[in-house]
Structure formats: structure tokens, C-alpha cells
N, C-alpha and C. Protein backbone atom coordinates (compact mmCIF):
# COMPACT_ATOMS: atom_id res chain seq x y z
N MET A 1 5.53 -16.78 -14.98
CA MET A 1 4.86 -15.50 -13.69
C MET A 1 5.32 -14.46 -14.68
N GLY A 2 4.41 -13.51 -14.98
CA GLY A 2 4.11 -12.57 -16.22
C GLY A 2 4.66 -11.59 -15.00
N ILE A 3 4.76 -10.59 -15.76
CA ILE A 3 5.73 -9.39 -15.28
C ILE A 3 4.75 -8.65 -13.89
N SER A 4 3.52 -8.64 -14.66
CA SER A 4 2.00 -8.10 -13.83
C SER A 4 2.17 -8.66 -11.99
N PRO A 5 2.37 -9.94 -11.90
CA PRO A 5 2.80 -10.30 -10.41
C PRO A 5 3.54 -10.47 -9.46
N ILE A 6 5.16 -9.53 -10.70
CA ILE A 6 5.98 -9.17 -9.87
C ILE A 6 6.20 -8.11 -8.69
N LEU A 7 5.65 -6.77 -10.22
CA LEU A 7 5.41 -5.66 -9.96
C LEU A 7 4.52 -5.46 -8.91
N ALA A 8 3.39 -6.26 -8.87
CA ALA A 8 2.53 -6.00 -8.02
C ALA A 8 2.95 -6.85 -6.59
N ILE A 9 3.63 -7.40 -6.49
CA ILE A 9 4.62 -7.33 -5.07
C ILE A 9 5.53 -6.63 -4.86
N LEU A 10 6.39 -6.21 -5.88
CA LEU A 10 6.84 -4.78 -5.60
C LEU A 10 6.24 -3.53 -4.92
N ILE A 11 5.07 -3.12 -5.64
CA ILE A 11 4.33 -2.23 -4.99
C ILE A 11 3.98 -2.60 -3.77
N GLY A 12 3.40 -3.65 -3.84
CA GLY A 12 2.56 -4.05 -1.87
C GLY A 12 3.77 -3.47 -1.04
N PHE A 13 4.76 -4.25 -1.54
CA PHE A 13 6.57 -4.07 -0.26
C PHE A 13 6.76 -2.72 0.20
N VAL A 14 6.57 -1.66 -0.79
CA VAL A 14 6.85 -0.30 -0.45
C VAL A 14 5.37 0.47 0.23
N SER A 15 3.99 -0.48 -0.45
CA SER A 15 3.14 0.50 -0.46
C SER A 15 2.44 1.14 1.42
N PRO A 16 3.34 0.32 2.09
CA PRO A 16 3.08 0.39 3.49
C PRO A 16 3.89 2.28 3.80
N LEU A 17 4.80 2.47 2.79
CA LEU A 17 5.47 3.93 3.52
C LEU A 17 4.59 4.85 2.14
N LEU A 18 3.77 4.30 1.57
CA LEU A 18 3.30 5.19 0.46
C LEU A 18 2.15 5.54 1.49
N ILE A 19 1.45 4.79 2.48
CA ILE A 19 -0.04 4.98 3.19
C ILE A 19 0.57 5.77 3.95
N SER A 20 1.93 5.77 5.11
CA SER A 20 2.08 5.94 6.29
C SER A 20 1.48 7.52 6.18
N PRO A 21 2.22 8.24 5.24
CA PRO A 21 1.48 9.84 5.23
C PRO A 21 0.17 10.15 5.33
N LEU A 22 -0.49 9.16 4.31
CA LEU A 22 -1.76 9.47 4.42
C LEU A 22 -2.84 8.95 5.36
N LYS A 23 -2.84 8.37 6.17
CA LYS A 23 -3.30 7.90 7.38
C LYS A 23 -3.16 8.67 8.76
N LYS A 24 -4.27 8.87 8.88
CA LYS A 24 -4.17 9.60 10.92
C LYS A 24 -4.06 8.51 11.79
N ARG A 25 -3.40 8.75 13.05
CA ARG A 25 -3.43 7.99 14.15
C ARG A 25 -4.72 7.74 14.71
N ALA A 26 -5.45 8.74 14.43
CA ALA A 26 -6.45 8.63 15.11
C ALA A 26 -7.56 8.01 14.65
N TRP A 27 -7.34 7.82 13.47
CA TRP A 27 -8.74 7.27 12.74
C TRP A 27 -9.22 5.89 13.45
N PRO A 28 -10.09 4.92 13.17
CA PRO A 28 -10.53 3.93 13.65
C PRO A 28 -10.09 2.99 12.59
N LYS A 29 -9.71 1.41 12.58
CA LYS A 29 -9.26 0.85 12.33
C LYS A 29 -9.78 0.39 10.87
N TRP A 30 -11.20 1.06 10.77
CA TRP A 30 -12.01 0.37 9.40
C TRP A 30 -11.62 1.55 8.50
N LYS A 31 -11.53 2.92 8.73
CA LYS A 31 -10.86 3.67 7.79
C LYS A 31 -9.33 3.55 7.31
N LYS A 32 -8.66 2.74 8.48
CA LYS A 32 -7.47 2.54 8.21
C LYS A 32 -7.40 1.02 6.60
N ILE A 33 -8.11 0.48 7.15
CA ILE A 33 -8.77 -0.76 6.23
C ILE A 33 -8.66 0.36 4.63
N ILE A 34 -9.92 0.80 5.02
CA ILE A 34 -10.33 1.26 3.63
C ILE A 34 -9.56 2.37 3.02
N LEU A 35 -8.72 2.65 3.36
CA LEU A 35 -7.11 3.06 2.91
C LEU A 35 -6.17 2.52 2.28
N VAL A 36 -6.26 1.52 2.90
CA VAL A 36 -5.24 0.43 2.16
C VAL A 36 -5.97 -0.25 1.07
N ILE A 37 -7.33 -0.58 1.20
CA ILE A 37 -8.01 -1.15 0.17
C ILE A 37 -8.03 -0.28 -1.07
N ILE A 38 -8.34 0.93 -0.92
CA ILE A 38 -8.08 2.25 -2.48
C ILE A 38 -6.90 2.27 -2.47
N VAL A 39 -5.96 1.98 -1.75
CA VAL A 39 -4.15 2.67 -2.02
C VAL A 39 -3.91 1.49 -2.84
N ALA A 40 -4.14 0.13 -2.81
CA ALA A 40 -4.07 -1.06 -3.32
C ALA A 40 -4.53 -1.11 -4.74
N SER A 41 -5.78 -0.46 -4.19
CA SER A 41 -6.87 -0.86 -6.00
C SER A 41 -6.65 0.40 -6.95
N ALA A 42 -5.99 1.84 -6.37
CA ALA A 42 -5.15 2.52 -7.45
C ALA A 42 -3.30 1.84 -7.77
N CYS A 43 -2.71 1.17 -7.10
CA CYS A 43 -1.62 1.18 -7.61
C CYS A 43 -1.54 -0.29 -8.86
N SER A 44 -3.13 -1.21 -8.28
CA SER A 44 -3.04 -2.09 -8.93
C SER A 44 -3.68 -2.21 -10.68
N ILE A 45 -4.56 -0.95 -10.41
CA ILE A 45 -4.55 -0.11 -12.24
C ILE A 45 -3.56 0.22 -12.77
N VAL A 46 -2.51 1.19 -11.89
CA VAL A 46 -1.45 1.18 -12.97
C VAL A 46 -0.81 0.07 -13.16
N SER A 47 -0.02 -0.65 -12.11
CA SER A 47 0.63 -1.48 -12.51
C SER A 47 0.31 -2.89 -13.57
N VAL A 48 -1.19 -2.77 -13.97
CA VAL A 48 -1.29 -3.61 -14.60
C VAL A 48 -1.46 -3.13 -16.12
N TRP A 49 -2.00 -1.83 -15.82
CA TRP A 49 -2.44 -0.67 -17.20
C TRP A 49 -0.77 -0.45 -17.54
N LEU A 50 0.12 -0.64 -17.01
CA LEU A 50 1.61 -0.87 -17.45
C LEU A 50 2.30 -1.80 -17.81
N THR A 51 1.89 -2.54 -17.15
CA THR A 51 2.27 -3.94 -18.44
C THR A 51 0.92 -4.57 -19.57
N GLY A 52 0.17 -3.71 -19.84
CA GLY A 52 -0.46 -3.97 -20.38
C GLY A 52 -1.39 -4.86 -20.99
N ASP A 53 -1.78 -5.62 -19.36
CA ASP A 53 -2.27 -6.84 -18.70
C ASP A 53 -4.02 -6.15 -17.79
N LEU A 54 -4.38 -5.33 -18.72
CA LEU A 54 -5.86 -4.77 -18.17
C LEU A 54 -6.73 -5.07 -18.12
N ASP A 55 -7.15 -6.00 -17.48
CA ASP A 55 -8.38 -7.51 -17.25
C ASP A 55 -8.79 -7.71 -15.71
N ALA A 56 -9.85 -8.10 -16.12
CA ALA A 56 -10.75 -7.89 -14.67
C ALA A 56 -9.35 -9.21 -13.78
N LYS A 57 -9.49 -10.51 -14.47
CA LYS A 57 -8.47 -11.47 -13.42
C LYS A 57 -7.36 -10.89 -12.98
N THR A 58 -6.53 -10.06 -13.79
CA THR A 58 -5.36 -9.33 -13.32
C THR A 58 -5.47 -8.88 -12.51
N PHE A 59 -6.01 -7.80 -12.85
CA PHE A 59 -6.26 -6.10 -11.45
C PHE A 59 -6.67 -7.64 -10.26
N ARG A 60 -7.55 -8.20 -10.20
CA ARG A 60 -7.91 -8.82 -8.59
C ARG A 60 -7.13 -9.55 -8.07
N GLU A 61 -6.28 -9.98 -9.24
CA GLU A 61 -4.51 -10.49 -8.52
C GLU A 61 -3.76 -9.66 -7.69
N SER A 62 -3.86 -8.86 -9.08
CA SER A 62 -2.89 -7.56 -8.30
C SER A 62 -2.96 -6.89 -7.53
N VAL A 63 -4.42 -6.50 -7.08
CA VAL A 63 -5.21 -6.82 -6.06
C VAL A 63 -4.78 -7.28 -4.80
N SER A 64 -5.33 -8.19 -5.26
CA SER A 64 -5.01 -9.01 -3.50
C SER A 64 -3.57 -9.38 -3.24
N LEU A 65 -2.96 -9.13 -4.59
CA LEU A 65 -1.16 -9.62 -4.38
C LEU A 65 -0.57 -8.60 -3.41
N VAL A 66 -0.88 -6.89 -3.95
CA VAL A 66 -0.58 -5.87 -3.36
C VAL A 66 -0.93 -5.72 -1.72
N ILE A 67 -2.26 -6.09 -1.10
CA ILE A 67 -3.09 -6.07 -0.15
C ILE A 67 -1.77 -6.94 0.74
N SER A 68 -2.06 -8.87 0.48
CA SER A 68 -1.25 -9.47 1.37
C SER A 68 0.37 -9.23 1.23
N VAL A 69 0.99 -8.89 0.56
CA VAL A 69 2.16 -8.26 0.18
C VAL A 69 2.34 -6.59 1.58
N SER A 70 1.62 -6.15 1.06
CA SER A 70 1.79 -4.54 1.95
C SER A 70 1.26 -4.99 3.30
N TRP A 71 0.34 -5.98 4.07
CA TRP A 71 0.24 -6.85 5.12
C TRP A 71 1.15 -6.88 5.89
N ALA A 72 1.75 -7.86 5.05
CA ALA A 72 2.48 -8.77 5.73
C ALA A 72 4.17 -7.73 5.39
N SER A 73 4.14 -6.92 4.54
CA SER A 73 5.82 -6.14 4.78
C SER A 73 5.33 -5.34 6.67
N TYR A 74 4.30 -4.67 5.97
CA TYR A 74 4.11 -3.74 7.31
C TYR A 74 4.11 -4.60 8.70
N ASN A 75 3.53 -5.38 9.03
CA ASN A 75 3.78 -6.62 10.06
C ASN A 75 5.21 -6.95 10.24
N LEU A 76 5.49 -7.54 9.39
CA LEU A 76 7.34 -7.87 9.45
C LEU A 76 8.01 -7.26 9.36
N LEU A 77 8.20 -5.65 8.56
CA LEU A 77 9.51 -5.04 8.50
C LEU A 77 8.87 -3.87 9.42
N TRP A 78 8.03 -2.77 8.62
CA TRP A 78 8.28 -1.13 8.85
C TRP A 78 7.36 -1.37 10.43
N GLU A 79 6.37 -1.91 10.87
CA GLU A 79 5.90 -1.31 12.13
C GLU A 79 7.03 -1.71 13.36
N LYS A 80 7.47 -2.61 12.59
CA LYS A 80 8.78 -3.47 14.04
C LYS A 80 9.98 -2.37 14.16
N THR A 81 9.99 -1.65 13.17
CA THR A 81 11.07 -0.56 13.19
C THR A 81 10.97 0.62 13.18
N LYS A 82 9.43 1.08 13.47
CA LYS A 82 9.04 2.20 14.02
C LYS A 82 9.12 3.18 12.77
N ILE A 83 9.54 2.99 11.63
CA ILE A 83 9.74 3.58 10.57
C ILE A 83 8.47 4.45 9.84
N ASN A 84 6.95 3.65 10.71
CA ASN A 84 5.51 4.70 10.25
C ASN A 84 5.48 5.44 10.91
N GLN A 85 5.78 5.59 12.28
CA GLN A 85 5.50 6.38 13.10
C GLN A 85 6.71 7.43 12.48
N ASP A 86 7.56 7.27 12.73
CA ASP A 86 8.71 8.52 11.93
C ASP A 86 8.28 9.13 11.01
N ILE A 87 7.71 8.49 10.05
CA ILE A 87 7.20 8.87 8.48
C ILE A 87 5.42 9.94 8.90
N THR A 88 5.19 9.20 9.92
CA THR A 88 3.59 10.01 10.32
C THR A 88 3.91 10.79 11.28
N GLU A 89 4.85 11.06 11.98
CA GLU A 89 4.91 12.20 12.65
C GLU A 89 5.45 13.61 11.90
N LYS A 90 6.46 12.76 11.06
CA LYS A 90 7.05 13.90 10.52
C LYS A 90 6.40 14.88 9.32
N VAL A 91 5.12 13.77 8.60
CA VAL A 91 4.29 15.04 7.99
C VAL A 91 3.44 15.25 8.58
N ILE A 92 2.97 14.83 10.25
CA ILE A 92 2.16 15.87 10.65
C ILE A 92 2.75 16.98 11.25
N GLU A 93 3.94 16.94 11.46
CA GLU A 93 4.68 18.17 12.19
C GLU A 93 4.71 19.07 11.25
N LYS A 94 4.84 19.30 9.66
CA LYS A 94 5.33 19.99 8.52
C LYS A 94 3.58 20.43 8.27
N VAL A 95 2.16 19.71 8.24
CA VAL A 95 1.57 19.76 7.66
C VAL A 95 0.31 20.80 9.23
N ALA A 96 0.86 20.31 10.35
CA ALA A 96 0.00 20.87 11.99
C ALA A 96 0.97 21.96 11.78
N PRO A 97 -0.23 23.41 12.14
CA PRO A 97 0.84 24.36 12.59
C PRO A 97 1.16 24.73 13.61
């Protein structure tokens, strides 16, 4: 296993913390899914570029790893501890008048 998959797994683990401040609670589920795909794609481009392994195959692998690990870590860790809601509320309080 090279460094690209390891980096993708690490990024996927922390990406729910990156996505929480960006999403809105009132959004329908499809908008939240699109946001996850966009963030995962952007993170994957950066990770494979940083490792010098930027091609279509490693990009696809990186995106699928980031999305899978992100979904798993959110459902198993972040959602249960309500960290997601705390982050979202703090950001909304600072942005909203």
C-alpha cells in the first residue's frame, strides 16, 4: 500500500469535521450527499497531487476511500457524540445575526 491510500483514509476520517460547518440542517439529503462528493473529490485531488500520484485510477480509488471512510467515521463516531451538531450550531451562531 502506497502513501496515497493512507492519506485518503486519514482525510476521510476527519472530513466529517470539515463538512459539518459547510452544510445546513434544513438541506434535503441529496444536497448533503452532493456536498460530501464535492468535498471528497477536492480532498482526493489534493491528496493524490501531494503524493505525486495524480492519475485517473488513483483519483477514483482516493475518492472512493475518502467517501467510504468519511461515511463510516461519521456514522460510527461523530454522529453518536453529537460533535457534528455542536460544530454546526457554533458556526450558525457566529454567521447568523
